[in-house]
Amino acid sequence: MKIQKVKQTTLPEIKSNLGIERRYYKAVMTMINELQAEINASLIKEYKRSARQEKLAMDGVSDWVAHVIEYLSDQWEIKLNRLAPSIAQKLIESTATSYDTALKRHLRDAGFTVQFQMTAFTEDMLKASVAENVRLIKSIASGHLDKVQMLVWQSISSGYDLAGLTQSLKQEYGVTKRRAALIASDQANKAHAAFEKARRTELGIKKAIWLHSHAGKQPRPSHLAANGKEFDVSKGMYLDGKWVQPGEEINCRCGSKAIIEGVI
């Protein structure tokens, strides 16, 4: 009897879901806007009113600003402990659901039927992704509050420069908004990459083909050169002195196609 080797199958690329990224960004910005509204109500509005009326003397002003900032920090530490895990959990769960739906479809089209299970490896990966997301979400809010505090102190030192403070606060909001967008994109890609590696590992898929996104204005030369090359799923591709997975590095939108090896 002649035994033939079945030809290997290459599955289509599963891209990171842009809809999930947008929802993540919207959730983070809703949180930041709420924080900004409280800053305006409890600190900036009163500071501007008092400064215009020349009632904000240097005596006691430092205590007043410090008290308001301390109050906001305490309140937002409590809020972030509630909001950040919820936002992070939704990102990870949505990523997992979206990826599994696409993977099942591609496997079915290729003639495979697979029952997915949540293994300890995948659970550990999900927990690590949630923890990293929580840390970053908290850092956006706390960093914004710290910068606002610094700008207020600068305004006081400049003799209550209200015009300068208003412009600086507007610029700082723009910086925070851009940082939130960058983190949303980065974390959506990282969550996708981590879950993709976990699922492939569970399914015994050992090889994949790197695909450059060709989306960035300044692509990483190493990532561009890796396009079309095969890599080990367990390690990733060795680029720029380290092992990386597609979509793992900041601003990386590279993807990959899984290879299902032929059987005898």
Protein backbone atom coordinates (compact mmCIF):
# COMPACT_ATOMS: atom_id res chain seq x y z
CA MET A 1 0.00 0.00 0.00
CA LYS A 2 1.35 3.38 -0.95
CA ILE A 3 1.07 6.08 1.73
CA GLN A 4 0.96 9.62 0.46
CA LYS A 5 1.85 12.73 2.37
CA VAL A 6 -0.99 15.20 2.57
CA LYS A 7 -0.03 18.65 1.33
CA GLN A 8 0.41 21.26 4.05
CA THR A 9 -2.32 23.87 4.46
CA THR A 10 -1.72 27.57 4.91
CA LEU A 11 -4.60 29.39 6.60
CA PRO A 12 -5.49 32.98 5.68
CA GLU A 13 -4.25 35.80 7.87
CA ILE A 14 -6.50 36.88 10.73
CA LYS A 15 -6.15 40.62 11.16
CA SER A 16 -6.46 42.54 14.39
CA ASN A 17 -10.04 43.82 14.70
CA LEU A 18 -10.16 47.60 14.18
CA GLY A 19 -13.64 47.80 15.65
CA ILE A 20 -12.36 46.41 18.95
CA GLU A 21 -9.50 48.93 18.90
CA ARG A 22 -11.93 51.82 18.35
CA ARG A 23 -14.20 50.69 21.17
CA TYR A 24 -11.22 50.37 23.49
CA TYR A 25 -10.06 53.89 22.60
CA LYS A 26 -13.58 55.27 23.09
CA ALA A 27 -13.80 53.67 26.55
CA VAL A 28 -10.44 55.10 27.59
CA MET A 29 -11.33 58.59 26.29
CA THR A 30 -14.70 58.49 28.07
CA MET A 31 -12.75 57.90 31.27
CA ILE A 32 -10.28 60.71 30.50
CA ASN A 33 -13.09 63.15 29.64
CA GLU A 34 -14.76 62.37 32.95
CA LEU A 35 -11.48 63.04 34.75
CA GLN A 36 -11.00 66.28 32.80
CA ALA A 37 -14.52 67.41 33.71
CA GLU A 38 -13.78 66.90 37.40
CA ILE A 39 -10.46 68.73 37.08
CA ASN A 40 -12.25 71.66 35.45
CA ALA A 41 -14.99 71.72 38.07
CA SER A 42 -12.91 71.31 41.21
CA LEU A 43 -9.62 72.96 40.27
CA ILE A 44 -9.41 74.97 37.05
CA LYS A 45 -12.75 76.80 37.25
CA GLU A 46 -12.22 77.90 40.84
CA TYR A 47 -8.59 78.79 40.18
CA LYS A 48 -9.52 81.03 37.24
CA ARG A 49 -12.37 82.71 39.12
CA SER A 50 -10.22 83.45 42.15
CA ALA A 51 -7.30 84.65 40.06
CA ARG A 52 -9.52 87.05 38.09
CA GLN A 53 -10.87 88.47 41.33
CA GLU A 54 -7.37 88.63 42.77
CA LYS A 55 -8.49 86.61 45.77
CA LEU A 56 -5.96 83.83 45.32
CA ALA A 57 -3.05 85.06 47.41
CA MET A 58 0.18 83.15 47.62
CA ASP A 59 -0.46 82.49 51.32
CA GLY A 60 -2.24 79.18 51.41
CA VAL A 61 -2.44 78.69 47.64
CA SER A 62 0.00 75.80 47.74
CA ASP A 63 -2.08 74.08 50.41
CA TRP A 64 -5.26 74.65 48.41
CA VAL A 65 -3.87 73.23 45.15
CA ALA A 66 -2.27 70.31 46.95
CA HIS A 67 -5.54 69.55 48.74
CA VAL A 68 -7.56 69.53 45.50
CA ILE A 69 -5.02 67.37 43.68
CA GLU A 70 -4.85 64.96 46.61
CA TYR A 71 -8.64 64.73 46.65
CA LEU A 72 -8.81 64.05 42.91
CA SER A 73 -6.01 61.51 43.12
CA ASP A 74 -7.72 59.62 45.93
CA GLN A 75 -11.09 59.65 44.18
CA TRP A 76 -9.62 58.53 40.87
CA GLU A 77 -7.56 55.78 42.39
CA ILE A 78 -10.84 54.27 43.56
CA LYS A 79 -12.49 54.83 40.17
CA LEU A 80 -9.55 53.41 38.23
CA ASN A 81 -9.55 50.28 40.35
CA ARG A 82 -13.07 49.74 39.06
CA LEU A 83 -12.91 51.14 35.52
CA ALA A 84 -9.50 49.94 34.30
CA PRO A 85 -10.09 46.17 34.83
CA SER A 86 -13.49 46.45 33.16
CA ILE A 87 -12.08 48.20 30.08
CA ALA A 88 -9.15 45.79 29.88
CA GLN A 89 -11.32 42.70 30.31
CA LYS A 90 -13.63 43.79 27.49
CA LEU A 91 -10.66 44.26 25.15
CA ILE A 92 -9.26 40.80 25.88
CA GLU A 93 -12.61 38.99 25.77
CA SER A 94 -13.61 40.75 22.53
CA THR A 95 -10.24 39.91 20.97
CA ALA A 96 -10.55 36.25 21.93
CA THR A 97 -14.12 35.97 20.61
CA SER A 98 -13.29 37.74 17.35
CA TYR A 99 -10.17 35.65 16.76
CA ASP A 100 -11.85 32.32 17.54
CA THR A 101 -14.75 33.12 15.20
CA ALA A 102 -12.38 33.84 12.31
CA LEU A 103 -10.13 30.86 13.09
CA LYS A 104 -13.02 28.42 13.21
CA ARG A 105 -14.22 29.69 9.83
CA HIS A 106 -10.79 29.30 8.23
CA LEU A 107 -10.31 25.82 9.70
CA ARG A 108 -13.75 24.75 8.52
CA ASP A 109 -13.02 26.04 5.01
CA ALA A 110 -9.79 24.02 5.06
CA GLY A 111 -11.66 20.86 6.08
CA PHE A 112 -10.83 20.80 9.79
CA THR A 113 -13.19 20.66 12.74
CA VAL A 114 -11.71 21.75 16.05
CA GLN A 115 -13.23 22.17 19.50
CA PHE A 116 -11.46 25.00 21.28
CA GLN A 117 -10.67 24.76 24.97
CA MET A 118 -9.37 27.31 27.45
CA THR A 119 -6.10 25.78 28.62
CA ALA A 120 -3.93 26.94 31.50
CA PHE A 121 -1.51 28.42 28.96
CA THR A 122 -4.22 30.58 27.40
CA GLU A 123 -5.66 31.59 30.77
CA ASP A 124 -2.22 32.74 31.93
CA MET A 125 -1.79 34.74 28.73
CA LEU A 126 -5.18 36.41 29.18
CA LYS A 127 -4.43 37.32 32.79
CA ALA A 128 -1.08 38.82 31.80
CA SER A 129 -2.72 40.85 29.01
CA VAL A 130 -5.41 42.17 31.34
CA ALA A 131 -2.82 43.14 33.96
CA GLU A 132 -0.72 45.04 31.40
CA ASN A 133 -3.82 46.82 30.11
CA VAL A 134 -4.90 47.84 33.59
CA ARG A 135 -1.45 49.28 34.27
CA LEU A 136 -1.47 51.33 31.06
CA ILE A 137 -5.02 52.61 31.48
CA LYS A 138 -4.21 53.79 34.99
CA SER A 139 -1.01 55.43 33.74
CA ILE A 140 -2.95 57.52 31.19
CA ALA A 141 -5.27 58.96 33.84
CA SER A 142 -2.65 59.46 36.56
CA GLY A 143 -0.19 60.94 34.06
CA HIS A 144 -2.80 63.42 32.85
CA LEU A 145 -3.61 64.49 36.39
CA ASP A 146 0.08 64.91 37.25
CA LYS A 147 0.64 67.08 34.17
CA VAL A 148 -2.37 69.28 34.98
CA GLN A 149 -1.00 69.78 38.48
CA MET A 150 2.37 70.84 37.06
CA LEU A 151 0.70 73.30 34.65
CA VAL A 152 -1.27 74.90 37.47
CA TRP A 153 1.92 75.37 39.50
CA GLN A 154 3.60 76.92 36.47
CA SER A 155 0.69 79.32 36.07
CA ILE A 156 0.96 80.36 39.72
CA SER A 157 4.70 80.89 39.37
CA SER A 158 4.05 83.09 36.32
CA GLY A 159 1.72 85.38 38.25
CA TYR A 160 -1.52 83.56 37.46
CA ASP A 161 -1.10 83.50 33.70
CA LEU A 162 -4.64 82.39 32.83
CA ALA A 163 -4.22 82.64 29.05
CA GLY A 164 -1.08 80.54 29.24
CA LEU A 165 -2.74 77.99 31.51
CA THR A 166 -5.75 77.67 29.20
CA GLN A 167 -3.53 77.06 26.17
CA SER A 168 -1.31 74.62 28.06
CA LEU A 169 -4.29 72.62 29.29
CA LYS A 170 -5.63 72.41 25.73
CA GLN A 171 -2.27 71.13 24.48
CA GLU A 172 -2.00 68.63 27.32
CA TYR A 173 -5.45 67.24 26.53
CA GLY A 174 -4.30 66.73 22.94
CA VAL A 175 -1.18 64.91 24.14
CA THR A 176 -3.25 62.64 26.39
CA LYS A 177 -5.70 61.96 23.57
CA ARG A 178 -2.90 60.95 21.19
CA ARG A 179 -1.32 58.76 23.85
CA ALA A 180 -4.65 57.04 24.43
CA ALA A 181 -4.96 56.39 20.68
CA LEU A 182 -1.45 54.96 20.54
CA ILE A 183 -2.05 52.71 23.54
CA ALA A 184 -5.39 51.55 22.11
CA SER A 185 -3.76 50.55 18.84
CA ASP A 186 -0.75 49.01 20.52
CA GLN A 187 -2.74 47.00 23.07
CA ALA A 188 -5.28 45.78 20.51
CA ASN A 189 -2.42 44.47 18.37
CA LYS A 190 -0.60 42.95 21.33
CA ALA A 191 -3.73 41.22 22.62
CA HIS A 192 -4.37 39.82 19.14
CA ALA A 193 -0.77 38.61 18.81
CA ALA A 194 -0.75 37.00 22.25
CA PHE A 195 -4.05 35.20 21.74
CA GLU A 196 -3.03 34.09 18.26
CA LYS A 197 0.14 32.51 19.62
CA ALA A 198 -1.81 30.82 22.41
CA ARG A 199 -4.38 29.29 20.06
CA ARG A 200 -1.73 28.11 17.62
CA THR A 201 0.23 26.52 20.44
CA GLU A 202 -2.89 24.69 21.67
CA LEU A 203 -3.60 23.40 18.16
CA GLY A 204 -0.06 22.21 17.63
CA ILE A 205 0.62 24.72 14.86
CA LYS A 206 4.37 25.20 14.87
CA LYS A 207 5.06 27.37 11.82
CA ALA A 208 3.65 30.56 10.31
CA ILE A 209 4.53 33.02 7.56
CA TRP A 210 5.28 36.64 8.47
CA LEU A 211 3.22 39.24 6.59
CA HIS A 212 4.22 42.89 6.58
CA SER A 213 1.26 45.26 6.77
CA HIS A 214 2.71 47.87 4.37
CA ALA A 215 0.61 50.37 6.36
CA GLY A 216 3.12 52.56 8.17
CA LYS A 217 4.79 55.63 6.67
CA GLN A 218 8.13 54.56 8.15
CA PRO A 219 8.16 50.76 8.21
CA ARG A 220 10.76 48.91 10.23
CA PRO A 221 13.28 47.61 7.65
CA SER A 222 13.62 44.32 9.51
CA HIS A 223 9.86 43.74 9.54
CA LEU A 224 9.64 44.59 5.85
CA ALA A 225 12.47 42.17 5.08
CA ALA A 226 10.68 39.45 7.06
CA ASN A 227 7.64 39.58 4.79
CA GLY A 228 6.88 36.13 3.37
CA LYS A 229 9.39 34.34 5.58
CA GLU A 230 8.55 31.36 7.75
CA PHE A 231 9.03 31.49 11.51
CA ASP A 232 8.64 29.31 14.57
CA VAL A 233 5.38 30.12 16.38
CA SER A 234 6.86 29.37 19.79
CA LYS A 235 9.66 31.91 19.37
CA GLY A 236 8.57 34.36 16.71
CA MET A 237 10.99 35.96 14.25
CA TYR A 238 14.46 37.07 15.29
CA LEU A 239 14.53 40.75 14.34
CA ASP A 240 16.79 43.55 15.52
CA GLY A 241 18.46 41.38 18.14
CA LYS A 242 15.33 39.87 19.73
CA TRP A 243 12.53 37.38 19.17
CA VAL A 244 9.21 39.04 18.32
CA GLN A 245 5.74 38.02 17.19
CA PRO A 246 3.86 39.89 14.43
CA GLY A 247 1.97 42.82 15.96
CA GLU A 248 3.85 42.58 19.24
CA GLU A 249 6.04 45.67 19.00
CA ILE A 250 4.64 49.16 19.37
CA ASN A 251 2.99 50.45 16.17
CA CYS A 252 3.55 47.09 14.48
CA ARG A 253 0.59 45.95 12.39
CA CYS A 254 2.29 42.95 10.83
CA GLY A 255 0.37 39.71 10.72
CA SER A 256 0.97 36.10 9.73
CA LYS A 257 -0.53 33.02 8.11
CA ALA A 258 -0.54 29.76 10.08
CA ILE A 259 0.89 26.63 8.44
CA ILE A 260 -0.79 23.30 9.19
CA GLU A 261 1.82 20.68 8.45
CA GLY A 262 1.00 17.75 6.18
CA VAL A 263 0.44 14.33 7.78
CA ILE A 264 1.42 10.88 6.61
